[in-house]
Amino acid sequence: MQESSRIGRYVRMVARPGQGAALADTLLRVADGLRSAPGCELYLVNASADEADTVWVTEVWSDAEASDRALSGDLGEAGIGEVLALLAGPPELVDLTPLGGAGL
């Protein structure tokens, strides 16, 4: 297995009741802002199939510094405050080490 500095993350966010679509739209605007962020290899916004107010984000970054730099800075049209205002509670994070596969 080849060692990589890539990092991955699954982020589960639960919106305030009835705000799932607004949260997804806001995160899609965040994704647009990250398209040109150095080191962002994947920022995929997913709607939960069975929980209307739950949104998952799948992230892959070239390294931890790229993730920290991008997510602590300007996220484009949508800011982190706008995302946090829609959440019912703190996001759940699962940090990963990507090993490879189709699409990477």
N, C-alpha and C. Protein backbone atom coordinates (compact mmCIF):
# COMPACT_ATOMS: atom_id res chain seq x y z
N MET A 1 0.84 -1.17 0.00
CA MET A 1 0.00 0.00 0.00
C MET A 1 0.89 1.24 0.00
N GLN A 2 0.57 2.19 -0.87
CA GLN A 2 1.36 3.40 -0.99
C GLN A 2 0.90 4.43 0.04
N GLU A 3 1.88 5.03 0.72
CA GLU A 3 1.55 6.03 1.72
C GLU A 3 1.20 7.34 1.02
N SER A 4 0.22 8.03 1.51
CA SER A 4 -0.25 9.26 0.89
C SER A 4 -0.47 10.31 1.96
N SER A 5 -0.29 11.57 1.58
CA SER A 5 -0.59 12.64 2.52
C SER A 5 -2.04 13.10 2.39
N ARG A 6 -2.77 12.50 1.45
CA ARG A 6 -4.19 12.85 1.28
C ARG A 6 -4.97 12.61 2.57
N ILE A 7 -5.94 13.47 2.77
CA ILE A 7 -6.88 13.23 3.87
C ILE A 7 -8.29 13.23 3.31
N GLY A 8 -9.15 12.48 3.94
CA GLY A 8 -10.55 12.43 3.57
C GLY A 8 -11.40 12.67 4.80
N ARG A 9 -12.63 13.01 4.55
CA ARG A 9 -13.52 13.28 5.67
C ARG A 9 -14.96 13.10 5.21
N TYR A 10 -15.74 12.46 6.06
CA TYR A 10 -17.19 12.46 5.91
C TYR A 10 -17.72 13.41 6.97
N VAL A 11 -18.62 14.28 6.57
CA VAL A 11 -19.22 15.22 7.51
C VAL A 11 -20.73 15.05 7.42
N ARG A 12 -21.34 14.74 8.55
CA ARG A 12 -22.79 14.59 8.62
C ARG A 12 -23.34 15.82 9.32
N MET A 13 -24.25 16.51 8.64
CA MET A 13 -24.85 17.72 9.19
C MET A 13 -26.36 17.56 9.21
N VAL A 14 -26.95 17.86 10.34
CA VAL A 14 -28.41 17.81 10.47
C VAL A 14 -28.90 19.25 10.59
N ALA A 15 -29.78 19.62 9.68
CA ALA A 15 -30.32 20.97 9.66
C ALA A 15 -31.44 21.12 10.68
N ARG A 16 -31.73 22.35 11.00
CA ARG A 16 -32.93 22.64 11.80
C ARG A 16 -34.14 22.08 11.04
N PRO A 17 -35.20 21.70 11.74
CA PRO A 17 -36.36 21.09 11.07
C PRO A 17 -36.83 21.90 9.86
N GLY A 18 -36.97 21.21 8.74
CA GLY A 18 -37.44 21.83 7.51
C GLY A 18 -36.39 22.61 6.74
N GLN A 19 -35.14 22.63 7.22
CA GLN A 19 -34.09 23.43 6.58
C GLN A 19 -33.07 22.59 5.80
N GLY A 20 -33.36 21.31 5.58
CA GLY A 20 -32.42 20.44 4.87
C GLY A 20 -32.08 20.93 3.48
N ALA A 21 -33.08 21.36 2.72
CA ALA A 21 -32.83 21.85 1.36
C ALA A 21 -32.01 23.13 1.38
N ALA A 22 -32.29 24.01 2.32
CA ALA A 22 -31.51 25.25 2.44
C ALA A 22 -30.06 24.95 2.80
N LEU A 23 -29.85 23.98 3.69
CA LEU A 23 -28.49 23.58 4.05
C LEU A 23 -27.76 23.02 2.83
N ALA A 24 -28.42 22.14 2.09
CA ALA A 24 -27.80 21.56 0.90
C ALA A 24 -27.45 22.64 -0.11
N ASP A 25 -28.36 23.59 -0.35
CA ASP A 25 -28.09 24.68 -1.29
C ASP A 25 -26.90 25.52 -0.84
N THR A 26 -26.82 25.80 0.45
CA THR A 26 -25.71 26.58 0.99
C THR A 26 -24.40 25.83 0.81
N LEU A 27 -24.40 24.54 1.10
CA LEU A 27 -23.19 23.74 0.95
C LEU A 27 -22.78 23.60 -0.52
N LEU A 28 -23.73 23.59 -1.43
CA LEU A 28 -23.40 23.58 -2.85
C LEU A 28 -22.72 24.88 -3.26
N ARG A 29 -23.12 25.99 -2.65
CA ARG A 29 -22.43 27.27 -2.91
C ARG A 29 -21.02 27.24 -2.32
N VAL A 30 -20.87 26.61 -1.15
CA VAL A 30 -19.52 26.42 -0.59
C VAL A 30 -18.68 25.61 -1.57
N ALA A 31 -19.25 24.53 -2.11
CA ALA A 31 -18.54 23.68 -3.07
C ALA A 31 -18.09 24.49 -4.29
N ASP A 32 -18.96 25.37 -4.78
CA ASP A 32 -18.57 26.21 -5.92
C ASP A 32 -17.36 27.07 -5.57
N GLY A 33 -17.34 27.60 -4.35
CA GLY A 33 -16.21 28.41 -3.91
C GLY A 33 -14.92 27.62 -3.75
N LEU A 34 -15.04 26.31 -3.54
CA LEU A 34 -13.86 25.47 -3.34
C LEU A 34 -13.32 24.87 -4.64
N ARG A 35 -14.02 25.07 -5.76
CA ARG A 35 -13.59 24.48 -7.03
C ARG A 35 -12.15 24.85 -7.38
N SER A 36 -11.75 26.06 -7.06
CA SER A 36 -10.40 26.50 -7.40
C SER A 36 -9.46 26.51 -6.20
N ALA A 37 -9.91 25.96 -5.07
CA ALA A 37 -9.06 25.94 -3.87
C ALA A 37 -7.91 24.96 -4.07
N PRO A 38 -6.68 25.41 -3.88
CA PRO A 38 -5.55 24.50 -4.03
C PRO A 38 -5.68 23.31 -3.07
N GLY A 39 -5.51 22.11 -3.60
CA GLY A 39 -5.54 20.91 -2.78
C GLY A 39 -6.89 20.27 -2.59
N CYS A 40 -7.97 20.93 -3.05
CA CYS A 40 -9.30 20.33 -2.93
C CYS A 40 -9.51 19.36 -4.10
N GLU A 41 -9.53 18.08 -3.79
CA GLU A 41 -9.70 17.05 -4.81
C GLU A 41 -11.16 16.60 -4.93
N LEU A 42 -11.92 16.76 -3.86
CA LEU A 42 -13.33 16.37 -3.88
C LEU A 42 -14.05 17.07 -2.74
N TYR A 43 -15.18 17.69 -3.05
CA TYR A 43 -16.08 18.25 -2.04
C TYR A 43 -17.47 17.97 -2.57
N LEU A 44 -18.03 16.86 -2.14
CA LEU A 44 -19.27 16.32 -2.69
C LEU A 44 -20.39 16.45 -1.67
N VAL A 45 -21.45 17.14 -2.04
CA VAL A 45 -22.61 17.35 -1.16
C VAL A 45 -23.64 16.28 -1.50
N ASN A 46 -24.11 15.57 -0.46
CA ASN A 46 -25.04 14.45 -0.63
C ASN A 46 -26.27 14.64 0.25
N ALA A 47 -27.45 14.41 -0.30
CA ALA A 47 -28.68 14.41 0.50
C ALA A 47 -28.91 13.00 1.02
N SER A 48 -29.28 12.89 2.27
CA SER A 48 -29.62 11.59 2.84
C SER A 48 -30.91 11.09 2.20
N ALA A 49 -30.92 9.83 1.82
CA ALA A 49 -32.10 9.25 1.16
C ALA A 49 -33.28 9.09 2.10
N ASP A 50 -33.02 8.97 3.40
CA ASP A 50 -34.13 8.70 4.33
C ASP A 50 -34.22 9.69 5.49
N GLU A 51 -33.43 10.75 5.47
CA GLU A 51 -33.51 11.79 6.50
C GLU A 51 -33.50 13.15 5.80
N ALA A 52 -34.68 13.76 5.65
CA ALA A 52 -34.84 14.96 4.83
C ALA A 52 -33.95 16.12 5.26
N ASP A 53 -33.64 16.23 6.52
CA ASP A 53 -32.86 17.36 7.01
C ASP A 53 -31.39 17.02 7.25
N THR A 54 -30.94 15.87 6.73
CA THR A 54 -29.55 15.46 6.91
C THR A 54 -28.80 15.55 5.59
N VAL A 55 -27.63 16.20 5.64
CA VAL A 55 -26.77 16.35 4.48
C VAL A 55 -25.39 15.81 4.85
N TRP A 56 -24.82 15.04 3.94
CA TRP A 56 -23.47 14.50 4.11
C TRP A 56 -22.55 15.21 3.12
N VAL A 57 -21.35 15.53 3.56
CA VAL A 57 -20.32 16.05 2.67
C VAL A 57 -19.16 15.06 2.67
N THR A 58 -18.69 14.72 1.49
CA THR A 58 -17.53 13.86 1.33
C THR A 58 -16.39 14.74 0.82
N GLU A 59 -15.28 14.76 1.56
CA GLU A 59 -14.15 15.61 1.20
C GLU A 59 -12.91 14.76 0.97
N VAL A 60 -12.10 15.15 -0.02
CA VAL A 60 -10.75 14.62 -0.19
C VAL A 60 -9.85 15.81 -0.47
N TRP A 61 -8.76 15.89 0.29
CA TRP A 61 -7.80 16.98 0.19
C TRP A 61 -6.41 16.41 -0.06
N SER A 62 -5.57 17.16 -0.73
CA SER A 62 -4.20 16.71 -1.01
C SER A 62 -3.41 16.52 0.28
N ASP A 63 -3.72 17.32 1.30
CA ASP A 63 -3.07 17.19 2.61
C ASP A 63 -3.86 18.01 3.62
N ALA A 64 -3.52 17.85 4.89
CA ALA A 64 -4.25 18.52 5.96
C ALA A 64 -4.14 20.04 5.85
N GLU A 65 -2.99 20.53 5.42
CA GLU A 65 -2.79 21.97 5.30
C GLU A 65 -3.75 22.58 4.28
N ALA A 66 -3.98 21.89 3.17
CA ALA A 66 -4.91 22.39 2.15
C ALA A 66 -6.32 22.47 2.72
N SER A 67 -6.72 21.47 3.47
CA SER A 67 -8.05 21.47 4.09
C SER A 67 -8.17 22.62 5.08
N ASP A 68 -7.20 22.74 5.97
CA ASP A 68 -7.23 23.79 6.98
C ASP A 68 -7.26 25.17 6.33
N ARG A 69 -6.43 25.38 5.33
CA ARG A 69 -6.33 26.67 4.65
C ARG A 69 -7.66 27.03 3.99
N ALA A 70 -8.24 26.09 3.27
CA ALA A 70 -9.47 26.38 2.54
C ALA A 70 -10.65 26.59 3.47
N LEU A 71 -10.80 25.74 4.46
CA LEU A 71 -11.99 25.79 5.31
C LEU A 71 -11.91 26.86 6.39
N SER A 72 -10.72 27.42 6.62
CA SER A 72 -10.62 28.51 7.60
C SER A 72 -10.70 29.86 6.92
N GLY A 73 -10.66 29.87 5.59
CA GLY A 73 -10.69 31.12 4.85
C GLY A 73 -12.06 31.43 4.29
N ASP A 74 -12.07 32.27 3.29
CA ASP A 74 -13.30 32.67 2.61
C ASP A 74 -13.82 31.48 1.81
N LEU A 75 -15.07 31.11 2.03
CA LEU A 75 -15.66 29.98 1.33
C LEU A 75 -16.45 30.42 0.10
N GLY A 76 -16.16 31.62 -0.37
CA GLY A 76 -16.86 32.10 -1.55
C GLY A 76 -18.16 32.79 -1.15
N GLU A 77 -19.18 32.56 -1.93
CA GLU A 77 -20.46 33.25 -1.75
C GLU A 77 -21.10 32.91 -0.40
N ALA A 78 -20.95 31.68 0.05
CA ALA A 78 -21.54 31.25 1.32
C ALA A 78 -20.45 31.14 2.37
N GLY A 79 -20.68 31.73 3.51
CA GLY A 79 -19.70 31.66 4.59
C GLY A 79 -20.04 30.59 5.60
N ILE A 80 -19.07 30.28 6.43
CA ILE A 80 -19.26 29.24 7.44
C ILE A 80 -20.38 29.61 8.41
N GLY A 81 -20.54 30.89 8.68
CA GLY A 81 -21.62 31.34 9.57
C GLY A 81 -22.99 31.01 9.02
N GLU A 82 -23.13 31.11 7.71
CA GLU A 82 -24.40 30.79 7.06
C GLU A 82 -24.72 29.31 7.21
N VAL A 83 -23.70 28.46 7.09
CA VAL A 83 -23.88 27.02 7.27
C VAL A 83 -24.26 26.73 8.72
N LEU A 84 -23.49 27.26 9.66
CA LEU A 84 -23.73 26.99 11.09
C LEU A 84 -25.11 27.43 11.53
N ALA A 85 -25.62 28.52 10.97
CA ALA A 85 -26.94 29.03 11.36
C ALA A 85 -28.06 28.06 10.99
N LEU A 86 -27.83 27.19 10.02
CA LEU A 86 -28.85 26.24 9.58
C LEU A 86 -28.81 24.92 10.34
N LEU A 87 -27.77 24.70 11.14
CA LEU A 87 -27.59 23.40 11.79
C LEU A 87 -28.37 23.28 13.09
N ALA A 88 -28.89 22.08 13.32
CA ALA A 88 -29.59 21.78 14.58
C ALA A 88 -28.60 21.47 15.70
N GLY A 89 -27.38 21.11 15.35
CA GLY A 89 -26.33 20.77 16.32
C GLY A 89 -25.00 20.75 15.60
N PRO A 90 -23.94 20.44 16.32
CA PRO A 90 -22.62 20.42 15.68
C PRO A 90 -22.52 19.31 14.64
N PRO A 91 -21.74 19.54 13.59
CA PRO A 91 -21.55 18.49 12.59
C PRO A 91 -20.77 17.32 13.17
N GLU A 92 -21.03 16.14 12.64
CA GLU A 92 -20.28 14.94 13.02
C GLU A 92 -19.21 14.70 11.96
N LEU A 93 -17.96 14.55 12.39
CA LEU A 93 -16.84 14.38 11.47
C LEU A 93 -16.25 12.98 11.60
N VAL A 94 -15.94 12.38 10.46
CA VAL A 94 -15.22 11.12 10.42
C VAL A 94 -14.00 11.36 9.54
N ASP A 95 -12.80 11.38 10.14
CA ASP A 95 -11.57 11.59 9.39
C ASP A 95 -11.07 10.27 8.83
N LEU A 96 -10.57 10.32 7.59
CA LEU A 96 -10.17 9.12 6.86
C LEU A 96 -8.83 9.32 6.18
N THR A 97 -8.22 8.22 5.80
CA THR A 97 -7.04 8.24 4.94
C THR A 97 -7.42 7.55 3.64
N PRO A 98 -7.61 8.32 2.55
CA PRO A 98 -7.97 7.71 1.28
C PRO A 98 -6.86 6.78 0.79
N LEU A 99 -7.25 5.60 0.33
CA LEU A 99 -6.29 4.62 -0.16
C LEU A 99 -6.29 4.52 -1.68
N GLY A 100 -7.37 4.93 -2.33
CA GLY A 100 -7.45 4.88 -3.78
C GLY A 100 -8.79 4.37 -4.22
N GLY A 101 -8.92 4.13 -5.50
CA GLY A 101 -10.17 3.64 -6.06
C GLY A 101 -10.57 4.44 -7.28
N ALA A 102 -11.70 4.10 -7.85
CA ALA A 102 -12.19 4.80 -9.04
C ALA A 102 -12.50 6.24 -8.69
N GLY A 103 -12.07 7.15 -9.51
CA GLY A 103 -12.37 8.56 -9.29
C GLY A 103 -11.28 9.33 -8.58
N LEU A 104 -10.26 8.66 -8.10
CA LEU A 104 -9.16 9.38 -7.45
C LEU A 104 -7.88 9.16 -8.20
